[in-house]
Amino acid sequence: MKVLFSKIDADGSGDLDIQEIRDALQDDEIRRAMGVTKDGAEAVFGKMDDDSSGVVRWEEFRDWFSTKTDLGALL
């Protein structure tokens, strides 16, 4: 999961913004790993951003994925 997070974190800031999620979902490999459609960026971002800070920290990303068994059913 940490490798996936790092791939999505294009600017290396240590957190993910909505544009990084949108851009990442254009990549077939990342989209398959996340189980999210190209159009699902806003929905998945909203679910991951627990504190509504406008960015997804590693901990939020990890916690969200650790509770999901069928990501496709959520979007």
N, C-alpha and C. Protein backbone atom coordinates (compact mmCIF):
# COMPACT_ATOMS: atom_id res chain seq x y z
N MET A 1 0.81 -1.19 0.00
CA MET A 1 0.00 0.00 0.00
C MET A 1 0.86 1.26 0.00
N LYS A 2 1.96 1.22 0.70
CA LYS A 2 2.83 2.40 0.76
C LYS A 2 3.40 2.72 -0.63
N VAL A 3 3.71 1.70 -1.41
CA VAL A 3 4.21 1.91 -2.77
C VAL A 3 3.13 2.57 -3.62
N LEU A 4 1.90 2.11 -3.50
CA LEU A 4 0.79 2.70 -4.23
C LEU A 4 0.61 4.17 -3.84
N PHE A 5 0.64 4.44 -2.55
CA PHE A 5 0.51 5.82 -2.06
C PHE A 5 1.61 6.69 -2.66
N SER A 6 2.82 6.19 -2.66
CA SER A 6 3.95 6.96 -3.19
C SER A 6 3.79 7.22 -4.69
N LYS A 7 3.27 6.26 -5.42
CA LYS A 7 3.03 6.46 -6.86
C LYS A 7 2.01 7.56 -7.10
N ILE A 8 0.99 7.60 -6.28
CA ILE A 8 -0.06 8.61 -6.43
C ILE A 8 0.43 9.99 -6.00
N ASP A 9 1.30 10.04 -5.00
CA ASP A 9 1.82 11.30 -4.45
C ASP A 9 2.86 11.89 -5.41
N ALA A 10 2.38 12.44 -6.51
CA ALA A 10 3.25 12.91 -7.60
C ALA A 10 4.20 14.02 -7.17
N ASP A 11 3.78 14.88 -6.25
CA ASP A 11 4.64 15.99 -5.84
C ASP A 11 5.52 15.65 -4.64
N GLY A 12 5.38 14.43 -4.10
CA GLY A 12 6.22 14.01 -2.99
C GLY A 12 5.96 14.72 -1.68
N SER A 13 4.78 15.31 -1.55
CA SER A 13 4.46 16.10 -0.35
C SER A 13 4.14 15.25 0.87
N GLY A 14 3.85 13.97 0.66
CA GLY A 14 3.49 13.12 1.79
C GLY A 14 2.00 13.04 2.03
N ASP A 15 1.21 13.76 1.21
CA ASP A 15 -0.23 13.62 1.24
C ASP A 15 -0.77 13.74 -0.18
N LEU A 16 -2.02 13.38 -0.35
CA LEU A 16 -2.63 13.35 -1.68
C LEU A 16 -3.72 14.40 -1.77
N ASP A 17 -3.69 15.17 -2.86
CA ASP A 17 -4.80 16.09 -3.10
C ASP A 17 -5.69 15.50 -4.19
N ILE A 18 -6.82 16.13 -4.44
CA ILE A 18 -7.78 15.58 -5.39
C ILE A 18 -7.19 15.47 -6.79
N GLN A 19 -6.35 16.40 -7.19
CA GLN A 19 -5.78 16.34 -8.54
C GLN A 19 -4.85 15.14 -8.68
N GLU A 20 -4.10 14.83 -7.64
CA GLU A 20 -3.23 13.65 -7.69
C GLU A 20 -4.05 12.37 -7.83
N ILE A 21 -5.19 12.32 -7.15
CA ILE A 21 -6.07 11.16 -7.26
C ILE A 21 -6.63 11.07 -8.68
N ARG A 22 -7.12 12.20 -9.21
CA ARG A 22 -7.64 12.21 -10.58
C ARG A 22 -6.59 11.74 -11.57
N ASP A 23 -5.39 12.29 -11.46
CA ASP A 23 -4.31 11.93 -12.38
C ASP A 23 -3.95 10.45 -12.25
N ALA A 24 -3.88 9.97 -11.03
CA ALA A 24 -3.50 8.58 -10.79
C ALA A 24 -4.52 7.61 -11.38
N LEU A 25 -5.78 7.98 -11.35
CA LEU A 25 -6.82 7.09 -11.86
C LEU A 25 -6.84 7.01 -13.38
N GLN A 26 -6.00 7.78 -14.04
CA GLN A 26 -5.83 7.65 -15.49
C GLN A 26 -4.92 6.47 -15.82
N ASP A 27 -4.15 6.02 -14.83
CA ASP A 27 -3.22 4.90 -14.98
C ASP A 27 -3.95 3.59 -14.69
N ASP A 28 -3.97 2.69 -15.68
CA ASP A 28 -4.69 1.42 -15.53
C ASP A 28 -4.23 0.61 -14.32
N GLU A 29 -2.92 0.55 -14.10
CA GLU A 29 -2.38 -0.23 -12.99
C GLU A 29 -2.85 0.32 -11.64
N ILE A 30 -2.78 1.61 -11.48
CA ILE A 30 -3.21 2.23 -10.21
C ILE A 30 -4.72 2.07 -10.04
N ARG A 31 -5.46 2.28 -11.11
CA ARG A 31 -6.92 2.14 -11.03
C ARG A 31 -7.32 0.73 -10.62
N ARG A 32 -6.65 -0.28 -11.19
CA ARG A 32 -6.93 -1.67 -10.79
C ARG A 32 -6.58 -1.91 -9.33
N ALA A 33 -5.43 -1.40 -8.90
CA ALA A 33 -4.99 -1.60 -7.51
C ALA A 33 -5.96 -0.96 -6.53
N MET A 34 -6.52 0.19 -6.91
CA MET A 34 -7.45 0.89 -6.03
C MET A 34 -8.87 0.37 -6.15
N GLY A 35 -9.18 -0.26 -7.29
CA GLY A 35 -10.54 -0.73 -7.51
C GLY A 35 -11.52 0.40 -7.71
N VAL A 36 -11.07 1.47 -8.36
CA VAL A 36 -11.88 2.68 -8.54
C VAL A 36 -11.92 3.02 -10.03
N THR A 37 -13.05 3.50 -10.51
CA THR A 37 -13.16 3.91 -11.90
C THR A 37 -12.49 5.26 -12.11
N LYS A 38 -12.24 5.60 -13.37
CA LYS A 38 -11.66 6.91 -13.70
C LYS A 38 -12.52 8.04 -13.15
N ASP A 39 -13.83 7.84 -13.16
CA ASP A 39 -14.76 8.88 -12.71
C ASP A 39 -15.00 8.86 -11.20
N GLY A 40 -14.35 7.96 -10.50
CA GLY A 40 -14.60 7.81 -9.07
C GLY A 40 -13.70 8.61 -8.15
N ALA A 41 -12.88 9.51 -8.71
CA ALA A 41 -11.90 10.23 -7.90
C ALA A 41 -12.53 11.01 -6.75
N GLU A 42 -13.55 11.80 -7.06
CA GLU A 42 -14.15 12.63 -6.02
C GLU A 42 -14.79 11.79 -4.92
N ALA A 43 -15.47 10.72 -5.33
CA ALA A 43 -16.12 9.86 -4.34
C ALA A 43 -15.12 9.20 -3.41
N VAL A 44 -14.06 8.62 -4.00
CA VAL A 44 -13.08 7.93 -3.17
C VAL A 44 -12.30 8.93 -2.31
N PHE A 45 -12.00 10.09 -2.86
CA PHE A 45 -11.28 11.11 -2.10
C PHE A 45 -12.11 11.53 -0.88
N GLY A 46 -13.39 11.76 -1.09
CA GLY A 46 -14.27 12.15 0.02
C GLY A 46 -14.34 11.10 1.11
N LYS A 47 -14.30 9.84 0.70
CA LYS A 47 -14.35 8.76 1.69
C LYS A 47 -13.04 8.62 2.45
N MET A 48 -11.91 8.87 1.78
CA MET A 48 -10.61 8.73 2.43
C MET A 48 -10.27 9.91 3.33
N ASP A 49 -10.71 11.12 2.97
CA ASP A 49 -10.35 12.34 3.71
C ASP A 49 -11.19 12.46 4.97
N ASP A 50 -10.86 11.65 5.97
CA ASP A 50 -11.64 11.57 7.21
C ASP A 50 -11.82 12.90 7.92
N ASP A 51 -10.79 13.72 7.91
CA ASP A 51 -10.85 14.97 8.68
C ASP A 51 -11.25 16.17 7.82
N SER A 52 -11.64 15.93 6.57
CA SER A 52 -12.07 16.99 5.65
C SER A 52 -11.05 18.11 5.49
N SER A 53 -9.78 17.73 5.51
CA SER A 53 -8.71 18.72 5.42
C SER A 53 -8.40 19.13 3.97
N GLY A 54 -8.94 18.38 3.02
CA GLY A 54 -8.66 18.66 1.62
C GLY A 54 -7.46 17.90 1.10
N VAL A 55 -6.84 17.11 1.95
CA VAL A 55 -5.75 16.22 1.55
C VAL A 55 -5.93 14.89 2.26
N VAL A 56 -5.39 13.85 1.64
CA VAL A 56 -5.44 12.52 2.26
C VAL A 56 -4.03 12.18 2.73
N ARG A 57 -3.88 12.04 4.02
CA ARG A 57 -2.60 11.64 4.60
C ARG A 57 -2.43 10.13 4.47
N TRP A 58 -1.19 9.67 4.59
CA TRP A 58 -0.89 8.25 4.50
C TRP A 58 -1.78 7.44 5.45
N GLU A 59 -1.95 7.91 6.67
CA GLU A 59 -2.74 7.18 7.67
C GLU A 59 -4.19 7.02 7.22
N GLU A 60 -4.77 8.07 6.62
CA GLU A 60 -6.14 8.00 6.13
C GLU A 60 -6.23 7.00 4.97
N PHE A 61 -5.26 7.05 4.07
CA PHE A 61 -5.20 6.15 2.93
C PHE A 61 -5.12 4.70 3.42
N ARG A 62 -4.20 4.45 4.31
CA ARG A 62 -4.00 3.09 4.86
C ARG A 62 -5.26 2.61 5.58
N ASP A 63 -5.82 3.45 6.41
CA ASP A 63 -7.00 3.06 7.19
C ASP A 63 -8.18 2.77 6.29
N TRP A 64 -8.36 3.58 5.27
CA TRP A 64 -9.49 3.37 4.36
C TRP A 64 -9.34 2.03 3.63
N PHE A 65 -8.15 1.75 3.11
CA PHE A 65 -7.93 0.49 2.40
C PHE A 65 -8.00 -0.72 3.32
N SER A 66 -7.63 -0.57 4.56
CA SER A 66 -7.61 -1.71 5.47
C SER A 66 -9.02 -2.18 5.82
N THR A 67 -10.03 -1.36 5.58
CA THR A 67 -11.40 -1.74 5.92
C THR A 67 -12.20 -2.18 4.71
N LYS A 68 -11.61 -2.16 3.52
CA LYS A 68 -12.35 -2.45 2.30
C LYS A 68 -12.06 -3.87 1.80
N THR A 69 -13.13 -4.58 1.43
CA THR A 69 -12.96 -5.88 0.83
C THR A 69 -13.36 -5.84 -0.64
N ASP A 70 -14.37 -5.05 -0.98
CA ASP A 70 -14.80 -4.91 -2.36
C ASP A 70 -14.94 -3.44 -2.67
N LEU A 71 -13.87 -2.83 -3.10
CA LEU A 71 -13.87 -1.39 -3.35
C LEU A 71 -14.83 -1.00 -4.45
N GLY A 72 -14.98 -1.82 -5.47
CA GLY A 72 -15.85 -1.49 -6.57
C GLY A 72 -17.31 -1.32 -6.14
N ALA A 73 -17.72 -2.03 -5.11
CA ALA A 73 -19.09 -1.93 -4.64
C ALA A 73 -19.37 -0.62 -3.94
N LEU A 74 -18.33 0.09 -3.55
CA LEU A 74 -18.52 1.35 -2.84
C LEU A 74 -18.76 2.52 -3.76
N LEU A 75 -18.39 2.39 -5.01
CA LEU A 75 -18.48 3.53 -5.94
C LEU A 75 -19.48 3.28 -7.05
